[in-house]
Protein backbone atom coordinates (compact mmCIF):
# COMPACT_ATOMS: atom_id res chain seq x y z
CA MET A 1 159.93 -1.73 258.99
CA SER A 2 157.29 1.14 259.18
CA ASP A 3 157.72 4.90 258.89
CA GLU A 4 155.35 5.76 262.12
CA PRO A 5 154.30 9.54 262.28
CA GLN A 6 156.18 11.75 264.93
CA ASP A 7 152.96 12.90 266.63
CA LYS A 8 152.03 9.06 267.24
CA LEU A 9 155.29 7.99 269.21
CA PRO A 10 155.01 4.30 270.45
CA ARG A 11 154.99 4.33 274.27
CA HIS A 12 158.02 2.62 274.61
CA LEU A 13 160.67 3.41 272.09
CA ILE A 14 164.75 2.83 272.17
CA PHE A 15 167.01 4.68 269.73
CA PHE A 16 170.30 2.52 269.48
CA ASP A 17 173.57 2.86 267.37
CA GLY A 18 172.97 0.69 264.42
CA LEU A 19 176.54 0.26 263.39
CA CYS A 20 177.56 -1.20 266.73
CA LEU A 21 177.32 -4.91 267.00
CA MET A 22 176.95 -4.58 271.05
CA CYS A 23 173.96 -2.55 270.69
CA ASN A 24 172.51 -4.96 267.96
CA LYS A 25 173.10 -7.86 270.18
CA SER A 26 171.49 -5.95 273.43
CA VAL A 27 168.52 -5.28 270.75
CA GLN A 28 168.28 -9.08 270.13
CA PHE A 29 168.27 -9.57 273.83
CA LEU A 30 165.38 -7.33 274.34
CA MET A 31 163.36 -8.72 271.59
CA ARG A 32 163.75 -12.55 273.13
CA HIS A 33 162.75 -11.14 276.95
CA ASP A 34 159.63 -8.43 275.81
CA HIS A 35 157.12 -11.28 275.93
CA GLN A 36 154.63 -8.13 275.66
CA LYS A 37 155.94 -6.57 272.63
CA LYS A 38 155.89 -3.11 274.15
CA PHE A 39 159.31 -2.02 272.54
CA TYR A 40 159.89 -0.29 269.40
CA PHE A 41 163.38 0.37 267.87
CA SER A 42 165.07 2.90 265.69
CA SER A 43 168.79 3.12 264.59
CA LEU A 44 170.20 6.29 265.61
CA GLN A 45 171.56 6.35 261.88
CA SER A 46 167.83 6.47 260.52
CA ASP A 47 165.69 9.26 259.37
CA TYR A 48 163.41 8.27 261.77
CA ALA A 49 165.95 9.11 264.66
CA LYS A 50 166.70 12.47 263.12
CA GLN A 51 163.30 13.47 262.74
CA PHE A 52 163.02 12.84 266.48
CA MET A 53 166.18 14.16 267.85
CA HIS A 54 165.79 17.43 265.47
CA LYS A 55 162.55 17.92 267.56
CA GLN A 56 164.30 17.79 270.87
CA PRO A 57 166.51 20.16 272.75
CA SER A 58 169.66 21.14 270.99
CA TRP A 59 171.68 19.12 273.20
CA TYR A 60 170.01 15.66 272.09
CA GLN A 61 170.43 16.43 268.44
CA ASN A 62 174.15 15.27 268.39
CA ILE A 63 173.59 12.50 270.94
CA ASP A 64 175.51 8.90 270.27
CA SER A 65 173.92 7.09 273.18
CA ILE A 66 171.30 4.88 273.83
CA VAL A 67 167.92 6.92 274.14
CA TYR A 68 164.81 5.74 275.67
CA TYR A 69 161.59 7.53 274.95
CA ARG A 70 158.59 6.46 277.44
CA GLU A 71 155.44 8.11 277.35
CA GLY A 72 156.91 11.67 276.96
CA ALA A 73 160.09 11.16 279.07
CA ILE A 74 163.32 10.87 277.48
CA PHE A 75 166.22 8.67 279.05
CA ILE A 76 169.94 8.60 278.32
CA LYS A 77 172.86 6.49 278.87
CA SER A 78 172.81 4.46 282.35
CA ASP A 79 169.41 5.88 282.81
CA ALA A 80 167.89 4.55 279.72
CA VAL A 81 169.32 0.99 280.40
CA LEU A 82 167.90 0.83 283.74
CA GLN A 83 164.66 2.11 282.61
CA ILE A 84 164.53 -0.27 279.87
CA PHE A 85 165.18 -3.21 282.35
CA ILE A 86 162.52 -1.91 284.63
CA ALA A 87 160.02 -1.71 281.99
CA LEU A 88 160.97 -4.90 280.53
CA GLY A 89 159.36 -6.15 283.49
CA GLY A 90 160.02 -9.71 285.71
CA ARG A 91 163.40 -10.14 287.12
CA TRP A 92 164.67 -7.43 285.21
CA ARG A 93 162.93 -4.82 287.64
CA PHE A 94 165.63 -5.39 289.96
CA ALA A 95 167.74 -3.08 287.86
CA LYS A 96 165.89 -0.48 289.93
CA LEU A 97 168.31 -1.34 292.88
CA PHE A 98 171.05 0.07 290.44
CA CYS A 99 169.40 3.51 290.83
CA ILE A 100 171.07 4.14 294.37
CA ILE A 101 174.50 4.44 292.38
CA PRO A 102 174.98 8.09 291.74
CA ARG A 103 174.08 8.85 287.86
CA LYS A 104 177.81 10.53 287.66
CA ILE A 105 179.37 6.83 288.40
CA ARG A 106 176.71 5.14 286.42
CA ASP A 107 177.12 7.18 283.47
CA TYR A 108 181.19 7.04 283.84
CA ILE A 109 180.76 3.08 283.55
CA TYR A 110 178.36 3.62 280.68
CA ASP A 111 180.71 6.12 278.80
CA SER A 112 183.69 3.56 279.39
CA ILE A 113 181.84 0.55 278.25
CA ALA A 114 180.37 2.56 274.90
CA GLY A 115 183.67 4.24 274.20
CA SER A 116 185.41 0.80 273.65
CA ARG A 117 182.74 -0.83 271.90
CA TYR A 118 184.26 -0.36 268.58
CA LYS A 119 187.22 -1.79 269.68
CA TRP A 120 185.71 -4.92 271.34
CA PHE A 121 183.43 -5.42 268.80
CA ASN A 122 183.75 -4.47 264.87
CA PRO A 123 181.54 -2.07 263.54
CA ILE A 124 178.87 -4.03 261.39
CA THR A 125 178.34 -3.02 257.78
CA SER A 126 174.86 -3.99 257.26
CA CYS A 127 171.79 -4.00 259.54
CA PRO A 128 170.75 -7.07 260.50
CA LEU A 129 166.93 -8.13 259.86
CA PRO A 130 164.65 -8.46 262.73
CA PRO A 131 162.50 -11.67 262.81
CA ASP A 132 159.21 -11.24 260.99
CA GLU A 133 157.27 -11.04 264.12
CA TRP A 134 159.04 -7.85 265.19
CA LYS A 135 159.25 -5.92 261.86
CA ASN A 136 156.53 -3.68 262.62
CA HIS A 137 158.53 -2.52 265.75
CA PHE A 138 161.37 -1.42 263.95
CA LEU A 139 161.01 2.37 262.62
CA ALA A 140 163.04 3.58 260.07
């Protein structure tokens, strides 16, 4: 895992809950489908994420949602999920159709799923290691 300087952020950076099995499975899904290897990942619990969040507005500093940083723009919750799928490209771009659903409704659904994730999936106690070809895409 690399420690990339804060001033040299990757163009596509996803912060996820490293203790959440569902979140880790989502990262594995993205690794399988990101053929261009454009995404970089960091656990919200990592020092890298804490440094990143510390430089953001105060309401970002305590966020427990997925965060997607793309070329200077920051997306959270359902916006993050949709923008990640759109950036993934190919057939996943059809996720853009869900943008017609008001954010308030999309975030309600996101929050309902996120709030139950530890009930549905036990928290993980150790971080799964990424495949060798993806190790440089994880920022500690």
